């Protein structure tokens, strides 16, 4: 613009660009570039020169420029409002030429005389037209270059996106391949697990059903007692199996909680060794325990889970050892600030485990060798559960083994030192169920839709001296609770129709208008935390797991009886 201005001896040169991105009925332009001779007022920052309307302020310009003609004029000869606009810029004469880019009206190139009015000669006008055309061509090249750059950038972006999609596709294909293999393995594992579970469950069920038939036709008291004992042991095996499956499910869902309390370590070892020693001795295998001198007498730990881990590992050692010995060692791995890390080692002289199966044995529903299940049985859950429990107790479970020579399982737990746990008297078995009805008189209602469960609860209560009422469904329970002021209601949770929770809610609603409140103890085979929580939320006072263990049942009834007596 400076070169043009100095060549044609004008005071100001400028470029206006049309504004294309407005409403269809608007036609505007704004100043984009400017050169002025020294001493001439600069207009590039003049707000009045932004968004000028061709159809009002610049109509004379537009009528010429739109058809490709230049606009030439003296300010004094022009009409309003254009004359005022130019006068405010001190313009005496001007020449305005259209700029076309790709055959479209892009804007205009303007030349102002602010000191001497000028009549433009044809030669100068041709020079200005050439300049306008050259500027249009430059802008067109710039737009093409910008479009190419934008297209290249977009192409690069699309190429990168295609590469990303390709990588994702390859990854998805690989994931699909892995998922397919995992699904095939899962399907095989599922079939294997179902076969194992079917065998493991049918074995104790066969004993329960078979010996029940024998029991029904037996009259000899001694034989009756032996048969009942066999049925009881088969039931315990079945219960242990179900407990393993439930434990694994709770571990998988993260619902296992570690409940710590003072426990005596040597007592726990004795409780674990005593029941397995008889089986081991029958096979000619000795079971020994060695406790280091620095092992504390008592610690704060989850005694139930510690016994479970020990019984799993020691029980496996007995199962897979046909001769030699089993040695259980307990020592202190680390101790500081009242916290101790206990290390347990269970070493046997059994069949051993191949190196390739050392980690496999900790996988759920798996065993190092499929033939192991055929020879020894088991679900393959015990070690998986044990390792998870050890980790929840702040330690871990590992194994070393040699085929044909034996295995050594090592696990640790982290716990705090504690004082000796209080001595808790062992509850009496069924043969010695205390008669507590005279000490704690109560009116009791037993609610269960299964007749066997009602009969068991009623017989246990009869041995305690109670004569309970019974209801076979929730509706009857609500009816009886409305007629009689029961001290204790044993409520089955899952029943058809009105279940135990709904029945409890209805009973509690009815009690709002009265003065009596029955204690309600929920009974259910679903021991998941959510079920217990739901029972307490609807108004039950306690929860007891099925199958009913006599000591737990007696303790619960005694506790409710004491509460009533207070």
Protein backbone atom coordinates (compact mmCIF):
# COMPACT_ATOMS: atom_id res chain seq x y z
CA UNK A 1 0.00 0.00 0.00
CA UNK A 2 2.88 2.37 0.73
CA UNK A 3 4.45 1.64 -2.66
CA UNK A 4 1.13 2.32 -4.42
CA UNK A 5 0.48 5.49 -2.40
CA UNK A 6 3.86 6.98 -3.15
CA UNK A 7 3.67 5.98 -6.83
CA UNK A 8 0.37 7.76 -7.48
CA UNK A 9 1.01 10.60 -5.01
CA UNK A 10 -2.04 10.13 -2.74
CA UNK A 11 -2.42 10.75 1.00
CA UNK A 12 -4.05 7.49 2.06
CA UNK A 13 -4.39 3.91 0.66
CA UNK A 14 -6.64 1.26 2.28
CA UNK A 15 -8.39 -2.07 1.78
CA UNK A 16 -11.93 -2.91 2.92
CA UNK A 17 -13.11 -6.52 3.10
CA UNK A 18 -16.70 -7.62 2.68
CA UNK A 19 -18.28 -9.40 5.65
CA UNK A 20 -19.77 -12.64 4.39
CA UNK A 21 -20.86 -14.22 7.69
CA UNK A 22 -23.94 -12.08 8.42
CA UNK A 23 -27.67 -12.26 7.79
CA UNK A 24 -28.64 -12.78 4.13
CA UNK A 25 -30.30 -9.34 3.87
CA UNK A 26 -27.19 -7.54 5.17
CA UNK A 27 -24.22 -6.45 3.03
CA UNK A 28 -21.42 -5.02 5.16
CA UNK A 29 -17.71 -4.24 4.94
CA UNK A 30 -14.91 -3.25 7.34
CA UNK A 31 -11.48 -1.66 6.95
CA UNK A 32 -8.65 -4.21 7.20
CA UNK A 33 -5.42 -2.45 6.07
CA UNK A 34 -4.24 1.18 5.70
CA UNK A 35 -1.24 3.34 4.76
CA UNK A 36 -1.17 7.12 5.29
CA UNK A 37 1.31 9.83 4.36
CA UNK A 38 2.93 11.60 7.35
CA UNK A 39 0.65 14.34 8.68
CA UNK A 40 -2.56 12.59 7.56
CA UNK A 41 -5.01 11.28 10.21
CA UNK A 42 -4.93 7.48 10.62
CA UNK A 43 -8.36 5.84 10.24
CA UNK A 44 -7.60 2.14 10.79
CA UNK A 45 -8.82 2.34 14.40
CA UNK A 46 -11.93 4.39 13.53
CA UNK A 47 -14.90 2.38 14.85
CA UNK A 48 -17.19 4.17 12.40
CA UNK A 49 -15.42 2.35 9.56
CA UNK A 50 -16.37 -1.09 10.90
CA UNK A 51 -19.44 -2.92 9.65
CA UNK A 52 -20.42 -0.24 7.13
CA UNK A 53 -23.62 -1.03 5.25
CA UNK A 54 -23.23 -0.92 1.47
CA UNK A 55 -26.97 -0.38 0.96
CA UNK A 56 -27.14 2.75 3.09
CA UNK A 57 -23.84 4.57 3.77
CA UNK A 58 -21.91 3.17 0.76
CA UNK A 59 -24.66 2.67 -1.81
CA UNK A 60 -22.86 4.69 -4.55
CA UNK A 61 -19.76 2.53 -3.98
CA UNK A 62 -21.75 -0.68 -4.21
CA UNK A 63 -23.62 0.23 -7.41
CA UNK A 64 -20.26 0.54 -9.20
CA UNK A 65 -18.15 -2.04 -7.44
CA UNK A 66 -20.75 -4.84 -7.64
CA UNK A 67 -20.58 -4.70 -11.46
CA UNK A 68 -16.77 -4.51 -11.50
CA UNK A 69 -16.47 -0.74 -12.13
CA UNK A 70 -14.33 1.73 -10.13
CA UNK A 71 -15.90 4.58 -8.19
CA UNK A 72 -14.26 7.98 -8.72
CA UNK A 73 -15.43 11.22 -7.15
CA UNK A 74 -14.94 14.59 -5.49
CA UNK A 75 -16.34 14.75 -1.95
CA UNK A 76 -18.13 18.01 -2.57
CA UNK A 77 -20.09 16.46 -5.48
CA UNK A 78 -21.40 13.46 -3.51
CA UNK A 79 -24.74 13.04 -1.77
CA UNK A 80 -25.40 12.44 1.92
CA UNK A 81 -24.60 10.45 4.02
CA UNK A 82 -21.49 9.49 2.00
CA UNK A 83 -20.33 13.12 1.70
CA UNK A 84 -20.34 13.55 5.54
CA UNK A 85 -18.54 10.23 6.10
CA UNK A 86 -15.73 11.24 3.70
CA UNK A 87 -15.55 14.81 5.00
CA UNK A 88 -15.04 13.57 8.54
CA UNK A 89 -11.92 11.79 7.23
CA UNK A 90 -10.71 14.99 5.54
CA UNK A 91 -11.07 13.35 2.11
CA UNK A 92 -11.33 15.80 -0.84
CA UNK A 93 -11.33 13.20 -3.62
CA UNK A 94 -11.07 9.43 -3.87
CA UNK A 95 -10.84 6.45 -6.20
CA UNK A 96 -12.24 3.08 -5.13
CA UNK A 97 -11.67 -0.14 -7.15
CA UNK A 98 -13.24 -3.57 -6.63
CA UNK A 99 -11.14 -6.54 -5.53
CA UNK A 100 -12.31 -9.85 -6.97
CA UNK A 101 -11.13 -13.22 -5.59
CA UNK A 102 -12.13 -16.38 -7.47
CA UNK A 103 -14.74 -14.37 -9.41
CA UNK A 104 -16.45 -13.09 -6.26
CA UNK A 105 -16.66 -9.51 -4.98
CA UNK A 106 -14.24 -9.71 -2.05
CA UNK A 107 -13.87 -6.00 -1.11
CA UNK A 108 -12.28 -2.84 -2.47
CA UNK A 109 -9.01 -0.89 -2.75
CA UNK A 110 -9.27 2.84 -1.99
CA UNK A 111 -7.08 5.92 -2.61
CA UNK A 112 -7.71 9.29 -0.86
CA UNK A 113 -6.52 12.82 -1.55
CA UNK A 114 -6.83 14.94 1.59
CA UNK A 115 -5.02 18.13 0.47
CA UNK A 116 -5.72 18.69 -3.23
CA UNK A 117 -8.81 17.44 -5.09
CA UNK A 118 -7.85 15.23 -8.00
CA UNK A 119 -9.34 14.21 -11.30
CA UNK A 120 -7.93 10.76 -12.10
CA UNK A 121 -6.27 10.33 -15.49
CA UNK A 122 -6.88 7.17 -17.57
CA UNK A 123 -3.22 6.14 -17.23
CA UNK A 124 -3.28 6.34 -13.41
CA UNK A 125 -6.66 4.60 -13.36
CA UNK A 126 -5.26 1.67 -15.40
CA UNK A 127 -2.37 1.43 -12.90
CA UNK A 128 -4.83 1.31 -9.99
CA UNK A 129 -6.93 -1.35 -11.73
CA UNK A 130 -3.79 -3.45 -12.26
CA UNK A 131 -2.92 -3.05 -8.59
CA UNK A 132 -6.45 -4.09 -7.56
CA UNK A 133 -6.26 -7.15 -9.81
CA UNK A 134 -2.81 -8.10 -8.43
CA UNK A 135 -4.08 -7.79 -4.86
CA UNK A 136 -7.07 -10.01 -5.71
CA UNK A 137 -4.74 -12.63 -7.21
CA UNK A 138 -2.51 -12.52 -4.11
CA UNK A 139 -5.48 -12.96 -1.82
CA UNK A 140 -6.70 -15.83 -3.99
CA UNK A 141 -3.28 -17.53 -3.75
CA UNK A 142 -3.26 -16.95 -0.01
CA UNK A 143 -6.71 -18.49 0.34
CA UNK A 144 -5.67 -21.46 -1.80
CA UNK A 145 -2.53 -21.91 0.32
CA UNK A 146 -4.56 -21.60 3.50
CA UNK A 147 -7.08 -24.12 2.17
CA UNK A 148 -4.24 -26.49 1.25
CA UNK A 149 -2.71 -26.10 4.70
CA UNK A 150 -6.09 -26.71 6.29
CA UNK A 151 -6.67 -29.70 4.00
CA UNK A 152 -3.22 -31.07 4.83
CA UNK A 153 -3.86 -30.57 8.53
CA UNK A 154 -7.23 -32.29 8.21
CA UNK A 155 -5.67 -35.10 6.18
CA UNK A 156 -2.95 -35.49 8.80
CA UNK A 157 -5.60 -35.52 11.51
CA UNK A 158 -7.62 -38.12 9.60
CA UNK A 159 -4.48 -40.19 9.01
CA UNK A 160 -3.66 -40.10 12.72
CA UNK A 161 -7.27 -41.00 13.51
CA UNK A 162 -7.11 -43.90 11.03
CA UNK A 163 -3.90 -45.10 12.69
CA UNK A 164 -5.53 -44.80 16.09
CA UNK A 165 -8.60 -46.70 14.83
CA UNK A 166 -6.28 -49.30 13.32
CA UNK A 167 -4.48 -49.70 16.65
CA UNK A 168 -7.80 -49.87 18.50
CA UNK A 169 -9.10 -52.40 15.98
CA UNK A 170 -5.99 -54.54 16.36
CA UNK A 171 -6.28 -54.23 20.15
CA UNK A 172 -9.98 -55.14 20.04
CA UNK A 173 -9.24 -58.11 17.81
CA UNK A 174 -6.55 -59.23 20.24
CA UNK A 175 -8.92 -58.67 23.18
CA UNK A 176 -11.59 -60.64 21.33
CA UNK A 177 -9.13 -63.46 20.70
CA UNK A 178 -8.08 -63.48 24.36
CA UNK A 179 -11.72 -63.23 25.47
CA UNK A 180 -12.59 -66.14 23.19
CA UNK A 181 -9.81 -68.22 24.71
CA UNK A 182 -10.85 -67.17 28.21
CA UNK A 183 -14.48 -68.00 27.42
CA UNK A 184 -13.41 -71.43 26.19
CA UNK A 185 -11.35 -71.94 29.34
CA UNK A 186 -14.21 -70.62 31.49
CA UNK A 187 -16.63 -72.97 29.77
CA UNK A 188 -14.30 -75.89 30.36
CA UNK A 189 -13.73 -74.77 33.96
CA UNK A 190 -17.49 -74.40 34.45
CA UNK A 191 -18.11 -77.91 33.16
CA UNK A 192 -15.30 -79.25 35.33
CA UNK A 193 -16.59 -77.32 38.36
CA UNK A 194 -20.15 -78.58 37.87
CA UNK A 195 -18.86 -82.12 37.61
CA UNK A 196 -16.75 -81.69 40.76
CA UNK A 197 -19.54 -79.99 42.71
CA UNK A 198 -22.04 -82.61 41.60
CA UNK A 199 -19.74 -85.35 42.88
CA UNK A 200 -18.83 -83.55 46.09
CA UNK A 201 -22.46 -82.74 46.96
CA UNK A 202 -23.86 -86.11 46.00
CA UNK A 203 -21.35 -87.94 48.21
CA UNK A 204 -22.61 -86.54 51.57
CA UNK A 205 -26.20 -86.47 50.28
CA UNK A 206 -25.92 -90.16 49.48
CA UNK A 207 -24.85 -90.77 53.07
CA UNK A 208 -27.62 -88.58 54.49
CA UNK A 209 -30.42 -90.10 52.41
CA UNK A 210 -29.16 -93.68 52.60
CA UNK A 211 -28.60 -93.74 56.34
CA UNK A 212 -31.88 -91.89 56.90
CA UNK A 213 -33.66 -94.82 55.26
CA UNK A 214 -31.72 -97.18 57.53
CA UNK A 215 -32.55 -95.01 60.54
CA UNK A 216 -36.28 -95.16 59.84
CA UNK A 217 -36.24 -98.95 60.01
CA UNK A 218 -33.73 -99.35 62.86
CA UNK A 219 -34.77 -100.25 66.42
CA UNK A 220 -31.46 -101.02 68.16
CA UNK A 221 -30.59 -97.90 70.27
CA UNK A 222 -26.86 -98.34 69.65
CA UNK A 223 -27.35 -98.64 65.88
CA UNK A 224 -29.73 -95.67 65.96
CA UNK A 225 -27.05 -93.60 67.61
CA UNK A 226 -24.33 -94.70 65.17
CA UNK A 227 -26.57 -94.07 62.15
CA UNK A 228 -27.56 -90.63 63.42
CA UNK A 229 -23.88 -89.82 63.95
CA UNK A 230 -23.05 -90.80 60.35
CA UNK A 231 -25.92 -88.63 59.06
CA UNK A 232 -24.66 -85.73 61.18
CA UNK A 233 -21.10 -86.07 59.83
CA UNK A 234 -22.37 -86.22 56.23
CA UNK A 235 -24.41 -83.06 56.90
CA UNK A 236 -21.31 -81.31 58.24
CA UNK A 237 -19.38 -82.24 55.08
CA UNK A 238 -22.17 -80.81 52.94
CA UNK A 239 -22.31 -77.66 55.07
CA UNK A 240 -18.53 -77.19 54.79
CA UNK A 241 -18.81 -77.51 51.02
CA UNK A 242 -21.53 -74.86 50.84
CA UNK A 243 -19.56 -72.62 53.22
CA UNK A 244 -16.53 -72.79 50.88
CA UNK A 245 -18.64 -71.71 47.91
CA UNK A 246 -20.19 -68.85 49.92
CA UNK A 247 -16.79 -67.75 51.24
CA UNK A 248 -15.38 -67.68 47.73
CA UNK A 249 -18.38 -65.65 46.52
CA UNK A 250 -17.97 -63.13 49.36
CA UNK A 251 -14.21 -62.82 48.71
CA UNK A 252 -14.83 -62.24 44.99
CA UNK A 253 -17.35 -59.47 45.74
CA UNK A 254 -15.18 -57.89 48.46
CA UNK A 255 -17.70 -58.53 51.24
CA UNK A 256 -15.46 -60.51 53.60
CA UNK A 257 -14.74 -58.69 56.85
CA UNK A 258 -11.96 -59.61 59.28
CA UNK A 259 -13.27 -59.53 62.88
CA UNK A 260 -10.40 -59.38 65.34
CA UNK A 261 -10.56 -60.37 68.99
CA UNK A 262 -8.07 -61.75 71.54
CA UNK A 263 -7.23 -65.38 70.64
CA UNK A 264 -4.83 -67.88 72.22
CA UNK A 265 -2.56 -69.20 69.48
CA UNK A 266 -1.63 -72.52 71.09
CA UNK A 267 -5.30 -73.29 71.74
CA UNK A 268 -6.13 -72.68 68.06
CA UNK A 269 -3.31 -75.01 66.99
CA UNK A 270 -4.64 -77.69 69.35
CA UNK A 271 -8.19 -77.26 68.03
CA UNK A 272 -6.91 -77.74 64.48
CA UNK A 273 -4.57 -80.68 65.14
CA UNK A 274 -6.93 -82.74 67.34
CA UNK A 275 -9.62 -83.53 64.72
CA UNK A 276 -7.13 -84.37 61.93
CA UNK A 277 -4.76 -86.43 64.08
CA UNK A 278 -7.12 -89.44 64.21
CA UNK A 279 -7.32 -89.62 60.41
CA UNK A 280 -3.55 -89.19 60.13
CA UNK A 281 -2.80 -91.91 62.70
CA UNK A 282 -5.07 -94.33 60.86
CA UNK A 283 -2.77 -93.85 57.86
CA UNK A 284 0.36 -94.20 60.00
CA UNK A 285 1.21 -90.49 59.65
CA UNK A 286 2.36 -88.48 62.68
CA UNK A 287 1.25 -84.89 63.23
CA UNK A 288 3.55 -82.66 65.26
CA UNK A 289 3.53 -78.98 66.15
CA UNK A 290 6.47 -76.76 67.08
CA UNK A 291 5.87 -73.32 68.56
CA UNK A 292 8.87 -70.99 68.90
CA UNK A 293 9.58 -69.58 72.35
CA UNK A 294 9.08 -65.97 71.24
CA UNK A 295 5.52 -66.59 69.97
CA UNK A 296 3.13 -64.54 72.16
CA UNK A 297 0.44 -66.31 74.13
CA UNK A 298 -2.40 -64.24 72.65
CA UNK A 299 -2.91 -61.82 69.78
CA UNK A 300 -5.75 -59.78 68.30
CA UNK A 301 -6.76 -61.81 65.24
CA UNK A 302 -9.77 -63.34 63.50
CA UNK A 303 -9.70 -66.72 65.20
CA UNK A 304 -12.40 -68.17 62.95
CA UNK A 305 -10.54 -67.29 59.75
CA UNK A 306 -7.17 -68.40 61.16
CA UNK A 307 -8.66 -71.82 62.05
CA UNK A 308 -10.20 -72.00 58.57
CA UNK A 309 -6.82 -71.42 56.87
CA UNK A 310 -5.02 -73.89 59.14
CA UNK A 311 -7.71 -76.57 58.71
CA UNK A 312 -7.61 -76.17 54.93
CA UNK A 313 -3.84 -76.55 54.71
CA UNK A 314 -3.40 -79.17 57.44
CA UNK A 315 -6.42 -81.08 56.11
CA UNK A 316 -4.83 -81.13 52.64
CA UNK A 317 -1.55 -82.32 54.13
CA UNK A 318 -3.33 -85.25 55.80
CA UNK A 319 -5.29 -86.02 52.62
CA UNK A 320 -2.21 -86.14 50.37
CA UNK A 321 0.21 -87.84 52.81
CA UNK A 322 0.04 -91.64 53.07
CA UNK A 323 3.22 -92.16 55.13
CA UNK A 324 5.77 -90.18 57.08
CA UNK A 325 4.90 -87.07 59.02
CA UNK A 326 3.23 -83.65 59.03
CA UNK A 327 4.97 -80.89 60.94
CA UNK A 328 3.29 -77.58 61.85
CA UNK A 329 5.68 -74.80 62.83
CA UNK A 330 4.77 -71.39 64.26
CA UNK A 331 7.24 -68.56 64.71
CA UNK A 332 7.60 -64.78 64.74
CA UNK A 333 8.70 -63.23 61.44
CA UNK A 334 8.77 -59.63 62.67
CA UNK A 335 7.71 -57.68 65.76
CA UNK A 336 7.66 -53.94 66.51
CA UNK A 337 5.51 -51.42 68.40
CA UNK A 338 3.02 -53.98 69.69
CA UNK A 339 2.48 -55.51 66.22
CA UNK A 340 3.69 -59.01 65.35
CA UNK A 341 3.91 -60.88 62.05
CA UNK A 342 3.34 -64.57 62.66
CA UNK A 343 4.74 -67.16 60.27
CA UNK A 344 3.13 -70.61 59.89
CA UNK A 345 4.73 -73.53 58.04
CA UNK A 346 2.97 -76.83 57.32
CA UNK A 347 5.40 -79.39 55.95
CA UNK A 348 4.36 -82.87 54.82
CA UNK A 349 5.93 -85.93 53.20
CA UNK A 350 3.06 -86.42 50.77
CA UNK A 351 2.79 -86.79 47.02
CA UNK A 352 4.11 -83.30 46.28
CA UNK A 353 3.19 -80.88 43.48
CA UNK A 354 4.79 -80.51 40.07
CA UNK A 355 6.57 -77.19 39.51
CA UNK A 356 4.10 -76.26 36.73
CA UNK A 357 1.19 -76.61 39.15
CA UNK A 358 2.52 -74.57 42.09
CA UNK A 359 0.55 -71.43 41.22
CA UNK A 360 -2.30 -73.28 39.58
CA UNK A 361 -3.38 -74.80 42.90
CA UNK A 362 -4.35 -71.32 44.14
CA UNK A 363 -6.77 -70.80 41.24
CA UNK A 364 -10.44 -71.29 42.21
CA UNK A 365 -12.05 -74.59 41.17
CA UNK A 366 -8.68 -75.84 40.01
CA UNK A 367 -6.16 -78.45 41.11
CA UNK A 368 -2.61 -79.09 40.01
CA UNK A 369 -3.66 -82.32 38.29
CA UNK A 370 -7.19 -83.35 37.22
CA UNK A 371 -6.45 -86.86 38.42
CA UNK A 372 -6.07 -85.45 41.95
CA UNK A 373 -9.81 -84.91 42.19
CA UNK A 374 -10.53 -88.40 40.95
CA UNK A 375 -8.22 -89.85 43.60
CA UNK A 376 -8.75 -87.52 46.55
CA UNK A 377 -11.89 -85.40 45.85
CA UNK A 378 -12.29 -81.75 46.81
CA UNK A 379 -13.60 -78.65 45.04
CA UNK A 380 -10.29 -76.84 44.57
CA UNK A 381 -11.59 -73.83 46.51
CA UNK A 382 -9.78 -74.29 49.82
CA UNK A 383 -6.35 -72.91 48.87
CA UNK A 384 -7.81 -70.04 46.83
CA UNK A 385 -9.91 -68.99 49.84
CA UNK A 386 -6.97 -69.48 52.22
CA UNK A 387 -4.63 -67.25 50.19
CA UNK A 388 -7.29 -64.52 49.98
CA UNK A 389 -7.91 -64.69 53.74
CA UNK A 390 -4.18 -64.51 54.48
CA UNK A 391 -3.89 -61.38 52.37
CA UNK A 392 -6.91 -59.86 54.12
CA UNK A 393 -5.13 -60.56 57.42
CA UNK A 394 -2.03 -58.68 56.25
CA UNK A 395 0.05 -61.62 55.02
CA UNK A 396 0.27 -64.12 52.16
CA UNK A 397 0.32 -67.84 51.37
CA UNK A 398 3.06 -69.56 49.33
CA UNK A 399 4.19 -73.11 48.66
CA UNK A 400 7.36 -75.08 47.93
CA UNK A 401 7.13 -78.64 46.75
CA UNK A 402 8.94 -81.56 45.17
CA UNK A 403 7.14 -84.39 43.41
CA UNK A 404 7.17 -87.55 45.49
CA UNK A 405 8.87 -85.88 48.47
CA UNK A 406 6.27 -83.54 49.92
CA UNK A 407 5.23 -79.91 50.20
CA UNK A 408 5.70 -76.98 52.55
CA UNK A 409 2.96 -74.36 52.72
CA UNK A 410 3.99 -71.08 54.38
CA UNK A 411 1.64 -68.28 55.35
CA UNK A 412 1.82 -65.18 57.51
CA UNK A 413 -0.63 -62.86 59.24
CA UNK A 414 -0.15 -59.44 60.84
CA UNK A 415 -1.78 -58.82 64.23
CA UNK A 416 -1.48 -56.84 67.45
CA UNK A 417 -0.41 -58.27 70.79
CA UNK A 418 -3.26 -58.92 73.22
CA UNK A 419 -4.01 -60.16 76.71
CA UNK A 420 -5.32 -63.67 77.27
CA UNK A 421 -8.85 -64.06 75.88
CA UNK A 422 -11.63 -64.63 78.41
CA UNK A 423 -12.65 -68.22 78.99
CA UNK A 424 -16.02 -68.90 77.36
CA UNK A 425 -17.83 -72.03 78.54
CA UNK A 426 -18.62 -74.45 75.70
CA UNK A 427 -22.39 -74.63 75.09
CA UNK A 428 -23.96 -78.00 75.76
CA UNK A 429 -24.76 -80.36 72.88
CA UNK A 430 -28.27 -81.57 72.16
CA UNK A 431 -28.07 -84.30 74.77
CA UNK A 432 -27.38 -81.65 77.39
CA UNK A 433 -29.59 -78.77 76.21
CA UNK A 434 -30.41 -76.82 79.38
CA UNK A 435 -34.02 -76.52 80.54
CA UNK A 436 -34.25 -72.78 80.86
CA UNK A 437 -38.01 -72.24 80.62
CA UNK A 438 -38.40 -71.97 84.40
CA UNK A 439 -35.57 -69.42 84.67
CA UNK A 440 -36.61 -67.49 81.56
CA UNK A 441 -40.33 -68.11 80.91
CA UNK A 442 -41.35 -67.01 77.42
CA UNK A 443 -44.19 -67.50 74.98
CA UNK A 444 -42.52 -68.44 71.66
CA UNK A 445 -43.77 -68.60 68.06
CA UNK A 446 -41.90 -70.63 65.42
CA UNK A 447 -42.50 -69.44 61.82
CA UNK A 448 -41.19 -71.53 58.89
CA UNK A 449 -42.73 -72.84 55.68
CA UNK A 450 -40.63 -76.05 55.82
CA UNK A 451 -42.07 -78.63 58.22
CA UNK A 452 -38.65 -80.17 58.96
CA UNK A 453 -37.30 -76.80 60.08
CA UNK A 454 -40.37 -76.20 62.29
CA UNK A 455 -40.00 -79.67 63.82
CA UNK A 456 -36.28 -79.15 64.58
CA UNK A 457 -36.86 -75.77 66.25
CA UNK A 458 -39.82 -77.11 68.25
CA UNK A 459 -37.86 -80.13 69.50
CA UNK A 460 -34.93 -77.96 70.59
CA UNK A 461 -37.31 -75.59 72.37
CA UNK A 462 -39.12 -78.55 73.97
CA UNK A 463 -35.81 -79.75 75.43
CA UNK A 464 -35.43 -76.29 76.94
CA UNK A 465 -38.90 -76.65 78.49
CA UNK A 466 -40.86 -74.45 76.07
CA UNK A 467 -44.10 -75.32 74.26
CA UNK A 468 -43.99 -73.06 71.18
CA UNK A 469 -46.78 -72.14 68.78
CA UNK A 470 -46.12 -72.65 65.06
CA UNK A 471 -47.02 -70.87 61.82
CA UNK A 472 -46.34 -72.26 58.34
CA UNK A 473 -46.33 -68.89 56.57
CA UNK A 474 -45.94 -65.15 57.13
CA UNK A 475 -49.66 -64.42 56.95
CA UNK A 476 -50.42 -66.82 59.82
CA UNK A 477 -47.49 -65.39 61.80
CA UNK A 478 -48.90 -61.85 61.53
CA UNK A 479 -52.34 -63.13 62.57
CA UNK A 480 -51.01 -65.00 65.65
CA UNK A 481 -48.76 -62.08 66.65
CA UNK A 482 -51.84 -59.88 66.66
CA UNK A 483 -53.70 -62.29 68.97
CA UNK A 484 -51.00 -63.27 71.48
CA UNK A 485 -48.23 -61.26 73.17
CA UNK A 486 -45.26 -63.42 72.14
CA UNK A 487 -42.00 -62.84 73.94
CA UNK A 488 -39.93 -64.34 71.09
CA UNK A 489 -40.73 -65.04 67.43
CA UNK A 490 -38.34 -67.27 65.45
CA UNK A 491 -38.96 -65.94 61.93
CA UNK A 492 -37.83 -67.70 58.74
CA UNK A 493 -36.73 -64.98 56.29
CA UNK A 494 -37.52 -66.57 52.93
CA UNK A 495 -41.08 -67.88 52.60
CA UNK A 496 -43.61 -67.86 49.74
CA UNK A 497 -46.25 -65.14 49.89
CA UNK A 498 -45.54 -62.85 52.84
CA UNK A 499 -41.87 -63.49 53.64
CA UNK A 500 -40.20 -63.01 57.00
CA UNK A 501 -39.15 -59.41 56.38
CA UNK A 502 -42.62 -58.32 55.27
CA UNK A 503 -44.22 -60.20 58.19
CA UNK A 504 -41.83 -58.46 60.60
CA UNK A 505 -42.70 -55.07 59.12
CA UNK A 506 -46.44 -55.75 59.51
CA UNK A 507 -45.98 -56.96 63.11
CA UNK A 508 -43.93 -53.85 64.00
CA UNK A 509 -46.54 -51.56 62.44
CA UNK A 510 -49.29 -53.24 64.52
CA UNK A 511 -47.21 -52.86 67.71
CA UNK A 512 -47.06 -49.06 67.33
CA UNK A 513 -50.56 -48.69 68.81
CA UNK A 514 -49.95 -51.17 71.66
CA UNK A 515 -47.62 -51.52 74.63
CA UNK A 516 -46.15 -54.96 73.86
CA UNK A 517 -43.16 -55.58 71.62
CA UNK A 518 -42.09 -59.08 70.59
CA UNK A 519 -38.44 -59.94 70.11
CA UNK A 520 -37.96 -61.32 66.56
CA UNK A 521 -35.01 -63.54 65.62
CA UNK A 522 -34.49 -64.01 61.85
CA UNK A 523 -33.40 -67.42 60.55
CA UNK A 524 -32.04 -67.85 57.03
CA UNK A 525 -29.66 -69.95 54.97
CA UNK A 526 -28.67 -66.76 53.12
CA UNK A 527 -25.85 -65.47 55.31
CA UNK A 528 -24.77 -62.65 52.97
CA UNK A 529 -24.21 -59.28 54.65
CA UNK A 530 -26.98 -57.63 52.59
CA UNK A 531 -29.54 -60.15 53.87
CA UNK A 532 -28.53 -59.66 57.51
CA UNK A 533 -28.69 -55.89 57.07
CA UNK A 534 -32.16 -56.07 55.48
CA UNK A 535 -33.47 -58.19 58.36
CA UNK A 536 -32.29 -55.70 60.96
CA UNK A 537 -33.60 -52.74 58.96
CA UNK A 538 -37.18 -54.08 58.92
CA UNK A 539 -37.18 -54.50 62.71
CA UNK A 540 -35.70 -57.91 63.56
CA UNK A 541 -33.66 -58.04 66.77
CA UNK A 542 -31.13 -60.62 65.64
CA UNK A 543 -30.12 -63.09 62.95
CA UNK A 544 -29.20 -66.79 63.07
CA UNK A 545 -27.78 -68.75 60.15
CA UNK A 546 -29.20 -72.01 58.88
CA UNK A 547 -28.47 -74.90 59.22
CA UNK A 548 -29.12 -74.29 62.91
CA UNK A 549 -26.18 -75.16 65.18
CA UNK A 550 -27.48 -76.27 68.56
CA UNK A 551 -25.02 -74.22 70.67
CA UNK A 552 -25.77 -71.04 68.69
CA UNK A 553 -29.52 -71.65 68.92
CA UNK A 554 -29.39 -72.26 72.68
CA UNK A 555 -27.23 -69.15 73.22
CA UNK A 556 -29.61 -66.97 71.18
CA UNK A 557 -32.73 -68.15 73.04
CA UNK A 558 -30.97 -67.73 76.41
CA UNK A 559 -29.89 -64.18 75.47
CA UNK A 560 -33.44 -63.16 74.50
CA UNK A 561 -34.71 -64.78 77.70
CA UNK A 562 -32.29 -62.73 79.79
CA UNK A 563 -33.36 -59.55 77.99
CA UNK A 564 -37.01 -60.31 78.85
CA UNK A 565 -36.15 -61.02 82.49
CA UNK A 566 -34.38 -57.66 82.97
